[in-house]
Amino acid sequence: LTALTHRADFVAASNKEAWLRTVALNRLRN
């Protein structure tokens, strides 16, 4: 969902799975 709401950041990421993993990990830490 974050990727959908932050499309530009997601599309610009060279490793999209790593980008998603970082977001998921931050959600878990929160």
PDB file of all heavy atoms in Angstrom:
ATOM      1  N   LEU A   1       0.834  -1.207   0.000  1.00  0.00           N
ATOM      2  CA  LEU A   1       0.000   0.000   0.000  1.00  0.00           C
ATOM      3  C   LEU A   1       0.866   1.253   0.000  1.00  0.00           C
ATOM      4  O   LEU A   1       0.556   2.235  -0.677  1.00  0.00           O
ATOM      5  CB  LEU A   1      -0.934   0.011   1.214  1.00  0.00           C
ATOM      6  CG  LEU A   1      -2.108  -0.952   1.151  1.00  0.00           C
ATOM      7  CD1 LEU A   1      -2.852  -0.964   2.475  1.00  0.00           C
ATOM      8  CD2 LEU A   1      -3.042  -0.584   0.022  1.00  0.00           C
ATOM      9  N   THR A   2       1.961   1.211   0.745  1.00  0.00           N
ATOM     10  CA  THR A   2       2.890   2.335   0.749  1.00  0.00           C
ATOM     11  C   THR A   2       3.487   2.534  -0.635  1.00  0.00           C
ATOM     12  O   THR A   2       3.661   3.668  -1.091  1.00  0.00           O
ATOM     13  CB  THR A   2       3.998   2.123   1.799  1.00  0.00           C
ATOM     14  OG1 THR A   2       3.380   1.956   3.080  1.00  0.00           O
ATOM     15  CG2 THR A   2       4.958   3.290   1.848  1.00  0.00           C
ATOM     16  N   ALA A   3       3.787   1.437  -1.325  1.00  0.00           N
ATOM     17  CA  ALA A   3       4.309   1.541  -2.697  1.00  0.00           C
ATOM     18  C   ALA A   3       3.289   2.225  -3.602  1.00  0.00           C
ATOM     19  O   ALA A   3       3.658   3.027  -4.469  1.00  0.00           O
ATOM     20  CB  ALA A   3       4.655   0.158  -3.240  1.00  0.00           C
ATOM     21  N   LEU A   4       2.013   1.918  -3.391  1.00  0.00           N
ATOM     22  CA  LEU A   4       0.969   2.557  -4.201  1.00  0.00           C
ATOM     23  C   LEU A   4       0.846   4.044  -3.903  1.00  0.00           C
ATOM     24  O   LEU A   4       0.589   4.843  -4.803  1.00  0.00           O
ATOM     25  CB  LEU A   4      -0.379   1.874  -3.973  1.00  0.00           C
ATOM     26  CG  LEU A   4      -0.541   0.493  -4.597  1.00  0.00           C
ATOM     27  CD1 LEU A   4      -1.808  -0.182  -4.078  1.00  0.00           C
ATOM     28  CD2 LEU A   4      -0.564   0.582  -6.112  1.00  0.00           C
ATOM     29  N   THR A   5       1.022   4.413  -2.639  1.00  0.00           N
ATOM     30  CA  THR A   5       0.870   5.819  -2.267  1.00  0.00           C
ATOM     31  C   THR A   5       2.147   6.629  -2.448  1.00  0.00           C
ATOM     32  O   THR A   5       2.101   7.854  -2.404  1.00  0.00           O
ATOM     33  CB  THR A   5       0.366   5.955  -0.813  1.00  0.00           C
ATOM     34  OG1 THR A   5       1.292   5.323   0.061  1.00  0.00           O
ATOM     35  CG2 THR A   5      -1.014   5.345  -0.652  1.00  0.00           C
ATOM     36  N   HIS A   6       3.271   5.943  -2.633  1.00  0.00           N
ATOM     37  CA  HIS A   6       4.559   6.601  -2.875  1.00  0.00           C
ATOM     38  C   HIS A   6       5.171   6.047  -4.158  1.00  0.00           C
ATOM     39  O   HIS A   6       6.307   5.572  -4.177  1.00  0.00           O
ATOM     40  CB  HIS A   6       5.513   6.385  -1.685  1.00  0.00           C
ATOM     41  CG  HIS A   6       5.056   7.031  -0.434  1.00  0.00           C
ATOM     42  ND1 HIS A   6       4.165   6.442   0.437  1.00  0.00           N
ATOM     43  CD2 HIS A   6       5.359   8.246   0.092  1.00  0.00           C
ATOM     44  CE1 HIS A   6       3.945   7.257   1.446  1.00  0.00           C
ATOM     45  NE2 HIS A   6       4.648   8.359   1.268  1.00  0.00           N
ATOM     46  N   ARG A   7       4.387   6.110  -5.219  1.00  0.00           N
ATOM     47  CA  ARG A   7       4.779   5.513  -6.501  1.00  0.00           C
ATOM     48  C   ARG A   7       6.146   5.969  -6.987  1.00  0.00           C
ATOM     49  O   ARG A   7       6.951   5.162  -7.436  1.00  0.00           O
ATOM     50  CB  ARG A   7       3.765   5.860  -7.579  1.00  0.00           C
ATOM     51  CG  ARG A   7       2.432   5.212  -7.446  1.00  0.00           C
ATOM     52  CD  ARG A   7       1.556   5.671  -8.621  1.00  0.00           C
ATOM     53  NE  ARG A   7       0.139   5.603  -8.401  1.00  0.00           N
ATOM     54  CZ  ARG A   7      -0.573   4.501  -8.296  1.00  0.00           C
ATOM     55  NH1 ARG A   7       0.007   3.359  -8.338  1.00  0.00           N
ATOM     56  NH2 ARG A   7      -1.876   4.544  -8.139  1.00  0.00           N
ATOM     57  N   ALA A   8       6.402   7.257  -6.923  1.00  0.00           N
ATOM     58  CA  ALA A   8       7.662   7.795  -7.460  1.00  0.00           C
ATOM     59  C   ALA A   8       8.857   7.185  -6.740  1.00  0.00           C
ATOM     60  O   ALA A   8       9.837   6.786  -7.391  1.00  0.00           O
ATOM     61  CB  ALA A   8       7.680   9.314  -7.351  1.00  0.00           C
ATOM     62  N   ASP A   9       8.802   7.095  -5.422  1.00  0.00           N
ATOM     63  CA  ASP A   9       9.896   6.493  -4.662  1.00  0.00           C
ATOM     64  C   ASP A   9      10.051   5.018  -5.015  1.00  0.00           C
ATOM     65  O   ASP A   9      11.168   4.521  -5.189  1.00  0.00           O
ATOM     66  CB  ASP A   9       9.659   6.622  -3.153  1.00  0.00           C
ATOM     67  CG  ASP A   9       9.711   8.056  -2.678  1.00  0.00           C
ATOM     68  OD1 ASP A   9      10.351   8.884  -3.355  1.00  0.00           O
ATOM     69  OD2 ASP A   9       9.107   8.348  -1.631  1.00  0.00           O
ATOM     70  N   PHE A  10       8.929   4.327  -5.119  1.00  0.00           N
ATOM     71  CA  PHE A  10       8.971   2.895  -5.422  1.00  0.00           C
ATOM     72  C   PHE A  10       9.525   2.641  -6.825  1.00  0.00           C
ATOM     73  O   PHE A  10      10.395   1.801  -7.006  1.00  0.00           O
ATOM     74  CB  PHE A  10       7.571   2.276  -5.294  1.00  0.00           C
ATOM     75  CG  PHE A  10       7.545   0.808  -5.576  1.00  0.00           C
ATOM     76  CD1 PHE A  10       8.037  -0.096  -4.639  1.00  0.00           C
ATOM     77  CD2 PHE A  10       7.043   0.314  -6.763  1.00  0.00           C
ATOM     78  CE1 PHE A  10       8.019  -1.459  -4.892  1.00  0.00           C
ATOM     79  CE2 PHE A  10       7.022  -1.043  -7.027  1.00  0.00           C
ATOM     80  CZ  PHE A  10       7.512  -1.935  -6.084  1.00  0.00           C
ATOM     81  N   VAL A  11       9.035   3.379  -7.802  1.00  0.00           N
ATOM     82  CA  VAL A  11       9.482   3.198  -9.181  1.00  0.00           C
ATOM     83  C   VAL A  11      10.967   3.540  -9.319  1.00  0.00           C
ATOM     84  O   VAL A  11      11.703   2.895 -10.063  1.00  0.00           O
ATOM     85  CB  VAL A  11       8.617   4.035 -10.155  1.00  0.00           C
ATOM     86  CG1 VAL A  11       9.200   4.065 -11.547  1.00  0.00           C
ATOM     87  CG2 VAL A  11       7.194   3.487 -10.188  1.00  0.00           C
ATOM     88  N   ALA A  12      11.433   4.533  -8.562  1.00  0.00           N
ATOM     89  CA  ALA A  12      12.835   4.952  -8.640  1.00  0.00           C
ATOM     90  C   ALA A  12      13.779   3.970  -7.943  1.00  0.00           C
ATOM     91  O   ALA A  12      14.981   3.984  -8.216  1.00  0.00           O
ATOM     92  CB  ALA A  12      12.999   6.340  -8.033  1.00  0.00           C
ATOM     93  N   ALA A  13      13.255   3.118  -7.076  1.00  0.00           N
ATOM     94  CA  ALA A  13      14.106   2.180  -6.335  1.00  0.00           C
ATOM     95  C   ALA A  13      14.730   1.160  -7.284  1.00  0.00           C
ATOM     96  O   ALA A  13      14.040   0.568  -8.108  1.00  0.00           O
ATOM     97  CB  ALA A  13      13.291   1.465  -5.260  1.00  0.00           C
ATOM     98  N   SER A  14      16.027   0.945  -7.144  1.00  0.00           N
ATOM     99  CA  SER A  14      16.699  -0.018  -8.021  1.00  0.00           C
ATOM    100  C   SER A  14      16.363  -1.452  -7.610  1.00  0.00           C
ATOM    101  O   SER A  14      16.305  -2.335  -8.458  1.00  0.00           O
ATOM    102  CB  SER A  14      18.211   0.201  -8.004  1.00  0.00           C
ATOM    103  OG  SER A  14      18.718   0.027  -6.697  1.00  0.00           O
ATOM    104  N   ASN A  15      16.140  -1.698  -6.317  1.00  0.00           N
ATOM    105  CA  ASN A  15      15.754  -3.019  -5.838  1.00  0.00           C
ATOM    106  C   ASN A  15      14.412  -2.872  -5.132  1.00  0.00           C
ATOM    107  O   ASN A  15      14.344  -2.503  -3.967  1.00  0.00           O
ATOM    108  CB  ASN A  15      16.817  -3.575  -4.895  1.00  0.00           C
ATOM    109  CG  ASN A  15      16.525  -4.995  -4.463  1.00  0.00           C
ATOM    110  OD1 ASN A  15      15.380  -5.436  -4.426  1.00  0.00           O
ATOM    111  ND2 ASN A  15      17.571  -5.726  -4.121  1.00  0.00           N
ATOM    112  N   LYS A  16      13.356  -3.148  -5.860  1.00  0.00           N
ATOM    113  CA  LYS A  16      12.007  -2.914  -5.348  1.00  0.00           C
ATOM    114  C   LYS A  16      11.654  -3.827  -4.182  1.00  0.00           C
ATOM    115  O   LYS A  16      10.978  -3.423  -3.244  1.00  0.00           O
ATOM    116  CB  LYS A  16      11.004  -3.012  -6.482  1.00  0.00           C
ATOM    117  CG  LYS A  16      11.203  -1.841  -7.459  1.00  0.00           C
ATOM    118  CD  LYS A  16      10.375  -1.952  -8.683  1.00  0.00           C
ATOM    119  CE  LYS A  16      10.534  -0.815  -9.644  1.00  0.00           C
ATOM    120  NZ  LYS A  16      11.780  -0.096  -9.696  1.00  0.00           N
ATOM    121  N   GLU A  17      12.127  -5.068  -4.223  1.00  0.00           N
ATOM    122  CA  GLU A  17      11.848  -5.974  -3.112  1.00  0.00           C
ATOM    123  C   GLU A  17      12.536  -5.485  -1.839  1.00  0.00           C
ATOM    124  O   GLU A  17      11.956  -5.532  -0.760  1.00  0.00           O
ATOM    125  CB  GLU A  17      12.294  -7.398  -3.435  1.00  0.00           C
ATOM    126  CG  GLU A  17      11.918  -8.384  -2.345  1.00  0.00           C
ATOM    127  CD  GLU A  17      12.181  -9.820  -2.722  1.00  0.00           C
ATOM    128  OE1 GLU A  17      11.965 -10.194  -3.894  1.00  0.00           O
ATOM    129  OE2 GLU A  17      12.599 -10.585  -1.832  1.00  0.00           O
ATOM    130  N   ALA A  18      13.745  -4.995  -1.953  1.00  0.00           N
ATOM    131  CA  ALA A  18      14.452  -4.448  -0.786  1.00  0.00           C
ATOM    132  C   ALA A  18      13.718  -3.221  -0.244  1.00  0.00           C
ATOM    133  O   ALA A  18      13.624  -3.025   0.966  1.00  0.00           O
ATOM    134  CB  ALA A  18      15.893  -4.096  -1.149  1.00  0.00           C
ATOM    135  N   TRP A  19      13.187  -2.395  -1.140  1.00  0.00           N
ATOM    136  CA  TRP A  19      12.414  -1.218  -0.733  1.00  0.00           C
ATOM    137  C   TRP A  19      11.201  -1.669   0.079  1.00  0.00           C
ATOM    138  O   TRP A  19      10.928  -1.133   1.150  1.00  0.00           O
ATOM    139  CB  TRP A  19      11.985  -0.445  -1.983  1.00  0.00           C
ATOM    140  CG  TRP A  19      11.377   0.895  -1.742  1.00  0.00           C
ATOM    141  CD1 TRP A  19      12.014   2.094  -1.730  1.00  0.00           C
ATOM    142  CD2 TRP A  19       9.984   1.187  -1.499  1.00  0.00           C
ATOM    143  NE1 TRP A  19      11.110   3.109  -1.502  1.00  0.00           N
ATOM    144  CE2 TRP A  19       9.858   2.578  -1.352  1.00  0.00           C
ATOM    145  CE3 TRP A  19       8.845   0.402  -1.404  1.00  0.00           C
ATOM    146  CZ2 TRP A  19       8.645   3.196  -1.108  1.00  0.00           C
ATOM    147  CZ3 TRP A  19       7.630   1.019  -1.154  1.00  0.00           C
ATOM    148  CH2 TRP A  19       7.537   2.403  -1.016  1.00  0.00           C
ATOM    149  N   LEU A  20      10.488  -2.674  -0.426  1.00  0.00           N
ATOM    150  CA  LEU A  20       9.308  -3.189   0.271  1.00  0.00           C
ATOM    151  C   LEU A  20       9.694  -3.831   1.600  1.00  0.00           C
ATOM    152  O   LEU A  20       9.000  -3.656   2.606  1.00  0.00           O
ATOM    153  CB  LEU A  20       8.579  -4.201  -0.604  1.00  0.00           C
ATOM    154  CG  LEU A  20       7.880  -3.614  -1.824  1.00  0.00           C
ATOM    155  CD1 LEU A  20       7.591  -4.697  -2.849  1.00  0.00           C
ATOM    156  CD2 LEU A  20       6.615  -2.890  -1.422  1.00  0.00           C
ATOM    157  N   ARG A  21      10.809  -4.581   1.620  1.00  0.00           N
ATOM    158  CA  ARG A  21      11.274  -5.216   2.846  1.00  0.00           C
ATOM    159  C   ARG A  21      11.586  -4.164   3.906  1.00  0.00           C
ATOM    160  O   ARG A  21      11.247  -4.323   5.080  1.00  0.00           O
ATOM    161  CB  ARG A  21      12.524  -6.060   2.572  1.00  0.00           C
ATOM    162  CG  ARG A  21      13.012  -6.837   3.790  1.00  0.00           C
ATOM    163  CD  ARG A  21      14.265  -7.665   3.507  1.00  0.00           C
ATOM    164  NE  ARG A  21      14.068  -8.538   2.367  1.00  0.00           N
ATOM    165  CZ  ARG A  21      14.626  -8.340   1.158  1.00  0.00           C
ATOM    166  NH1 ARG A  21      15.417  -7.305   0.942  1.00  0.00           N
ATOM    167  NH2 ARG A  21      14.393  -9.184   0.169  1.00  0.00           N
ATOM    168  N   THR A  22      12.204  -3.077   3.502  1.00  0.00           N
ATOM    169  CA  THR A  22      12.527  -2.000   4.438  1.00  0.00           C
ATOM    170  C   THR A  22      11.254  -1.387   5.017  1.00  0.00           C
ATOM    171  O   THR A  22      11.154  -1.153   6.221  1.00  0.00           O
ATOM    172  CB  THR A  22      13.380  -0.922   3.739  1.00  0.00           C
ATOM    173  OG1 THR A  22      14.588  -1.527   3.274  1.00  0.00           O
ATOM    174  CG2 THR A  22      13.705   0.221   4.681  1.00  0.00           C
ATOM    175  N   VAL A  23      10.274  -1.142   4.153  1.00  0.00           N
ATOM    176  CA  VAL A  23       9.002  -0.583   4.625  1.00  0.00           C
ATOM    177  C   VAL A  23       8.327  -1.559   5.581  1.00  0.00           C
ATOM    178  O   VAL A  23       7.865  -1.168   6.662  1.00  0.00           O
ATOM    179  CB  VAL A  23       8.075  -0.232   3.438  1.00  0.00           C
ATOM    180  CG1 VAL A  23       6.693   0.166   3.926  1.00  0.00           C
ATOM    181  CG2 VAL A  23       8.686   0.885   2.588  1.00  0.00           C
ATOM    182  N   ALA A  24       8.281  -2.847   5.232  1.00  0.00           N
ATOM    183  CA  ALA A  24       7.636  -3.851   6.085  1.00  0.00           C
ATOM    184  C   ALA A  24       8.368  -3.963   7.427  1.00  0.00           C
ATOM    185  O   ALA A  24       7.732  -4.034   8.487  1.00  0.00           O
ATOM    186  CB  ALA A  24       7.599  -5.206   5.379  1.00  0.00           C
ATOM    187  N   LEU A  25       9.680  -3.950   7.380  1.00  0.00           N
ATOM    188  CA  LEU A  25      10.470  -4.031   8.609  1.00  0.00           C
ATOM    189  C   LEU A  25      10.229  -2.809   9.493  1.00  0.00           C
ATOM    190  O   LEU A  25      10.073  -2.937  10.711  1.00  0.00           O
ATOM    191  CB  LEU A  25      11.950  -4.157   8.262  1.00  0.00           C
ATOM    192  CG  LEU A  25      12.925  -4.258   9.417  1.00  0.00           C
ATOM    193  CD1 LEU A  25      12.582  -5.433  10.314  1.00  0.00           C
ATOM    194  CD2 LEU A  25      14.336  -4.394   8.885  1.00  0.00           C
ATOM    195  N   ASN A  26      10.154  -1.644   8.896  1.00  0.00           N
ATOM    196  CA  ASN A  26       9.860  -0.439   9.677  1.00  0.00           C
ATOM    197  C   ASN A  26       8.470  -0.509  10.291  1.00  0.00           C
ATOM    198  O   ASN A  26       8.266  -0.091  11.441  1.00  0.00           O
ATOM    199  CB  ASN A  26      10.016   0.811   8.813  1.00  0.00           C
ATOM    200  CG  ASN A  26      11.467   1.125   8.532  1.00  0.00           C
ATOM    201  OD1 ASN A  26      12.363   0.698   9.253  1.00  0.00           O
ATOM    202  ND2 ASN A  26      11.709   1.859   7.458  1.00  0.00           N
ATOM    203  N   ARG A  27       7.503  -1.036   9.545  1.00  0.00           N
ATOM    204  CA  ARG A  27       6.150  -1.207  10.101  1.00  0.00           C
ATOM    205  C   ARG A  27       6.180  -2.152  11.300  1.00  0.00           C
ATOM    206  O   ARG A  27       5.530  -1.903  12.320  1.00  0.00           O
ATOM    207  CB  ARG A  27       5.193  -1.757   9.044  1.00  0.00           C
ATOM    208  CG  ARG A  27       5.002  -0.892   7.849  1.00  0.00           C
ATOM    209  CD  ARG A  27       3.950   0.117   8.108  1.00  0.00           C
ATOM    210  NE  ARG A  27       3.788   0.927   6.909  1.00  0.00           N
ATOM    211  CZ  ARG A  27       2.920   1.868   6.807  1.00  0.00           C
ATOM    212  NH1 ARG A  27       2.126   2.140   7.809  1.00  0.00           N
ATOM    213  NH2 ARG A  27       2.838   2.583   5.704  1.00  0.00           N
ATOM    214  N   LEU A  28       6.932  -3.246  11.155  1.00  0.00           N
ATOM    215  CA  LEU A  28       7.043  -4.221  12.238  1.00  0.00           C
ATOM    216  C   LEU A  28       7.709  -3.593  13.464  1.00  0.00           C
ATOM    217  O   LEU A  28       7.240  -3.757  14.594  1.00  0.00           O
ATOM    218  CB  LEU A  28       7.846  -5.428  11.745  1.00  0.00           C
ATOM    219  CG  LEU A  28       7.759  -6.710  12.540  1.00  0.00           C
ATOM    220  CD1 LEU A  28       6.321  -7.153  12.732  1.00  0.00           C
ATOM    221  CD2 LEU A  28       8.557  -7.791  11.823  1.00  0.00           C
ATOM    222  N   ARG A  29       8.773  -2.840  13.238  1.00  0.00           N
ATOM    223  CA  ARG A  29       9.447  -2.159  14.359  1.00  0.00           C
ATOM    224  C   ARG A  29       8.505  -1.180  15.051  1.00  0.00           C
ATOM    225  O   ARG A  29       8.506  -1.071  16.280  1.00  0.00           O
ATOM    226  CB  ARG A  29      10.675  -1.412  13.854  1.00  0.00           C
ATOM    227  CG  ARG A  29      11.842  -2.305  13.541  1.00  0.00           C
ATOM    228  CD  ARG A  29      12.992  -1.493  13.010  1.00  0.00           C
ATOM    229  NE  ARG A  29      14.159  -2.312  12.777  1.00  0.00           N
ATOM    230  CZ  ARG A  29      15.064  -2.056  11.860  1.00  0.00           C
ATOM    231  NH1 ARG A  29      14.951  -0.984  11.085  1.00  0.00           N
ATOM    232  NH2 ARG A  29      16.106  -2.841  11.707  1.00  0.00           N
ATOM    233  N   ASN A  30       7.715  -0.455  14.276  1.00  0.00           N
ATOM    234  CA  ASN A  30       6.745   0.474  14.881  1.00  0.00           C
ATOM    235  C   ASN A  30       5.735  -0.276  15.726  1.00  0.00           C
ATOM    236  O   ASN A  30       5.352   0.200  16.804  1.00  0.00           O
ATOM    237  CB  ASN A  30       6.039   1.295  13.805  1.00  0.00           C
ATOM    238  CG  ASN A  30       6.931   2.345  13.198  1.00  0.00           C
ATOM    239  OD1 ASN A  30       7.926   2.754  13.794  1.00  0.00           O
ATOM    240  ND2 ASN A  30       6.591   2.786  11.993  1.00  0.00           N
TER     241      ASN A  30
END
